[in-house]
């Protein structure tokens, strides 16, 4: 099945993440490790969402933080590596939390951008999750760059609408 839409008819929403572990680190130690890759701006109880690329908001211990990516390999020929979601996966999930298989690791859950960001707060405040990350949606240009390079988007990196309903219809002709 295929459908064609003009890029202006599509909405690309973010896919946020929650994680049930800090990999044995205290919150302070975790923040210290995160500061190796991101500039951290505490926002207190103010719920924040990234306003642009290169920003990721994080919820930890009843506090929100804005993370701004410090350095990026802008010379990379691979557009997948330039995505915020890839930086989050490499620098925080893999390097700090030791989570390398986001598709199958049960410590990570994905929250589509159609859900309110307050669900991230609730998941962490309930104690089920330790930390939550809110991403800025990937742009259509970034999506095209990945496709044109033959790359594959990271797991759960976009929520694209409209979603087409599909199914199998069987009708007897006899």
Protein backbone atom coordinates (compact mmCIF):
# COMPACT_ATOMS: atom_id res chain seq x y z
CA UNK A 1 0.00 0.00 0.00
CA UNK A 2 1.26 3.48 -0.80
CA UNK A 3 -0.04 7.01 -0.55
CA UNK A 4 1.31 10.29 -1.84
CA UNK A 5 1.06 13.57 0.03
CA UNK A 6 2.58 16.96 -0.57
CA UNK A 7 5.11 17.77 2.15
CA UNK A 8 2.91 20.66 3.28
CA UNK A 9 0.07 18.20 3.99
CA UNK A 10 2.17 16.14 6.39
CA UNK A 11 2.78 16.82 10.05
CA UNK A 12 5.90 15.39 11.59
CA UNK A 13 5.67 15.12 15.36
CA UNK A 14 8.32 14.08 17.84
CA UNK A 15 8.68 10.75 19.60
CA UNK A 16 9.72 11.25 23.22
CA UNK A 17 11.45 8.75 25.50
CA UNK A 18 11.32 7.64 29.10
CA UNK A 19 13.88 5.43 30.81
CA UNK A 20 13.55 3.35 33.96
CA UNK A 21 17.24 3.45 34.93
CA UNK A 22 20.10 5.84 35.54
CA UNK A 23 22.51 2.89 35.22
CA UNK A 24 23.37 2.94 38.93
CA UNK A 25 24.20 6.65 38.95
CA UNK A 26 22.82 9.17 41.38
CA UNK A 27 20.90 12.04 39.81
CA UNK A 28 23.84 14.39 40.42
CA UNK A 29 26.32 11.96 38.87
CA UNK A 30 23.99 11.46 35.91
CA UNK A 31 23.70 15.22 35.37
CA UNK A 32 27.47 15.53 35.61
CA UNK A 33 27.91 12.91 32.87
CA UNK A 34 25.24 14.57 30.71
CA UNK A 35 27.12 17.88 31.03
CA UNK A 36 30.01 16.32 29.09
CA UNK A 37 27.85 16.41 25.95
CA UNK A 38 25.22 19.06 26.62
CA UNK A 39 24.96 22.52 28.15
CA UNK A 40 22.35 22.12 30.89
CA UNK A 41 19.84 24.86 31.73
CA UNK A 42 17.70 24.12 34.81
CA UNK A 43 14.05 25.11 34.37
CA UNK A 44 12.69 23.97 37.74
CA UNK A 45 9.10 22.80 37.69
CA UNK A 46 8.40 24.68 34.46
CA UNK A 47 7.47 22.09 31.84
CA UNK A 48 9.57 22.84 28.78
CA UNK A 49 9.64 21.58 25.23
CA UNK A 50 12.45 22.13 22.76
CA UNK A 51 11.83 25.15 20.54
CA UNK A 52 14.33 24.14 17.87
CA UNK A 53 16.78 21.52 16.72
CA UNK A 54 19.87 21.04 18.95
CA UNK A 55 17.67 21.20 22.05
CA UNK A 56 16.31 18.33 24.13
CA UNK A 57 14.29 18.80 27.28
CA UNK A 58 14.80 16.38 30.15
CA UNK A 59 12.72 15.65 33.25
CA UNK A 60 14.56 14.24 36.27
CA UNK A 61 13.71 14.33 39.99
CA UNK A 62 10.69 16.63 39.58
CA UNK A 63 12.76 19.17 37.63
CA UNK A 64 12.91 20.09 33.97
CA UNK A 65 16.17 20.87 32.17
CA UNK A 66 16.89 22.19 28.72
CA UNK A 67 19.83 20.40 27.13
CA UNK A 68 21.68 22.09 24.29
CA UNK A 69 24.03 19.95 22.26
CA UNK A 70 27.61 21.14 22.80
CA UNK A 71 29.36 19.73 19.79
CA UNK A 72 28.17 17.92 16.77
CA UNK A 73 30.10 16.30 13.98
CA UNK A 74 28.82 18.77 11.39
CA UNK A 75 31.36 17.47 8.88
CA UNK A 76 29.66 14.09 8.97
CA UNK A 77 28.45 12.92 5.58
CA UNK A 78 25.85 10.80 7.36
CA UNK A 79 22.68 12.86 7.98
CA UNK A 80 21.43 10.28 10.49
CA UNK A 81 24.30 11.18 12.85
CA UNK A 82 23.24 14.83 12.75
CA UNK A 83 19.73 14.18 14.10
CA UNK A 84 19.02 15.18 17.71
CA UNK A 85 17.52 11.75 18.32
CA UNK A 86 20.82 10.15 17.21
CA UNK A 87 22.83 12.40 19.53
CA UNK A 88 20.51 11.50 22.42
CA UNK A 89 20.83 7.80 21.62
CA UNK A 90 24.61 7.88 21.31
CA UNK A 91 25.57 10.30 24.08
CA UNK A 92 23.02 9.53 26.78
CA UNK A 93 21.43 6.16 26.11
CA UNK A 94 24.55 4.33 24.88
CA UNK A 95 27.40 6.19 26.60
CA UNK A 96 25.83 6.94 29.98
CA UNK A 97 22.94 4.51 30.42
CA UNK A 98 24.54 1.59 28.56
CA UNK A 99 21.43 1.07 26.43
CA UNK A 100 22.46 0.22 22.90
CA UNK A 101 19.37 -1.55 21.51
CA UNK A 102 16.52 0.93 21.82
CA UNK A 103 14.21 -1.28 19.78
CA UNK A 104 14.27 -4.14 22.28
CA UNK A 105 15.44 -2.75 25.62
CA UNK A 106 12.52 -2.81 28.06
CA UNK A 107 14.04 0.01 30.12
CA UNK A 108 13.06 2.49 27.39
CA UNK A 109 9.55 3.47 26.39
CA UNK A 110 8.49 5.72 23.56
CA UNK A 111 5.80 8.36 23.88
CA UNK A 112 4.41 9.75 20.62
CA UNK A 113 4.19 13.50 20.18
CA UNK A 114 0.41 13.21 19.97
CA UNK A 115 0.40 12.77 23.74
CA UNK A 116 0.78 15.67 26.10
CA UNK A 117 4.23 16.22 27.59
CA UNK A 118 2.67 15.96 31.06
CA UNK A 119 2.61 12.18 30.49
CA UNK A 120 6.41 12.24 30.69
CA UNK A 121 6.18 14.03 34.03
CA UNK A 122 3.62 11.52 35.32
CA UNK A 123 5.74 8.52 34.27
CA UNK A 124 8.77 9.82 36.17
CA UNK A 125 6.82 11.10 39.19
CA UNK A 126 5.11 7.70 39.53
CA UNK A 127 8.50 6.06 40.09
CA UNK A 128 8.12 3.73 37.08
CA UNK A 129 10.63 5.81 35.14
CA UNK A 130 13.72 7.68 36.30
CA UNK A 131 14.17 10.19 33.47
CA UNK A 132 12.24 11.47 30.44
CA UNK A 133 13.38 13.23 27.28
CA UNK A 134 11.32 15.44 25.00
CA UNK A 135 12.65 16.00 21.49
CA UNK A 136 12.00 18.64 18.86
CA UNK A 137 10.27 17.14 15.79
CA UNK A 138 12.54 16.20 12.91
CA UNK A 139 12.08 18.54 9.96
CA UNK A 140 10.87 17.36 6.58
CA UNK A 141 14.27 18.45 5.18
CA UNK A 142 16.11 16.23 7.66
CA UNK A 143 13.83 13.32 6.76
CA UNK A 144 14.51 13.86 3.05
CA UNK A 145 18.27 14.11 3.68
CA UNK A 146 18.25 10.72 5.42
CA UNK A 147 16.16 9.16 2.63
CA UNK A 148 18.32 10.67 -0.13
CA UNK A 149 21.46 9.29 1.51
CA UNK A 150 19.95 5.81 1.69
CA UNK A 151 20.00 5.97 5.48
CA UNK A 152 17.55 4.52 7.95
CA UNK A 153 15.86 6.68 10.54
CA UNK A 154 16.59 5.79 14.19
CA UNK A 155 13.87 3.84 15.99
CA UNK A 156 10.77 5.82 16.87
CA UNK A 157 12.17 9.12 15.65
CA UNK A 158 9.06 10.46 13.90
CA UNK A 159 5.31 10.36 14.25
CA UNK A 160 3.92 11.32 10.86
CA UNK A 161 0.32 12.34 10.28
CA UNK A 162 -2.05 11.78 8.65
CA UNK A 163 -2.05 8.11 9.63
CA UNK A 164 -3.89 6.04 7.09
CA UNK A 165 -6.20 3.40 8.37
CA UNK A 166 -5.54 0.07 6.77
CA UNK A 167 -6.84 -3.40 6.98
CA UNK A 168 -7.85 -6.36 4.94
CA UNK A 169 -11.33 -6.47 3.44
CA UNK A 170 -12.70 -9.74 2.10
CA UNK A 171 -15.90 -9.85 0.15
CA UNK A 172 -17.28 -12.97 -1.40
CA UNK A 173 -18.09 -12.49 -5.08
CA UNK A 174 -20.08 -15.73 -5.35
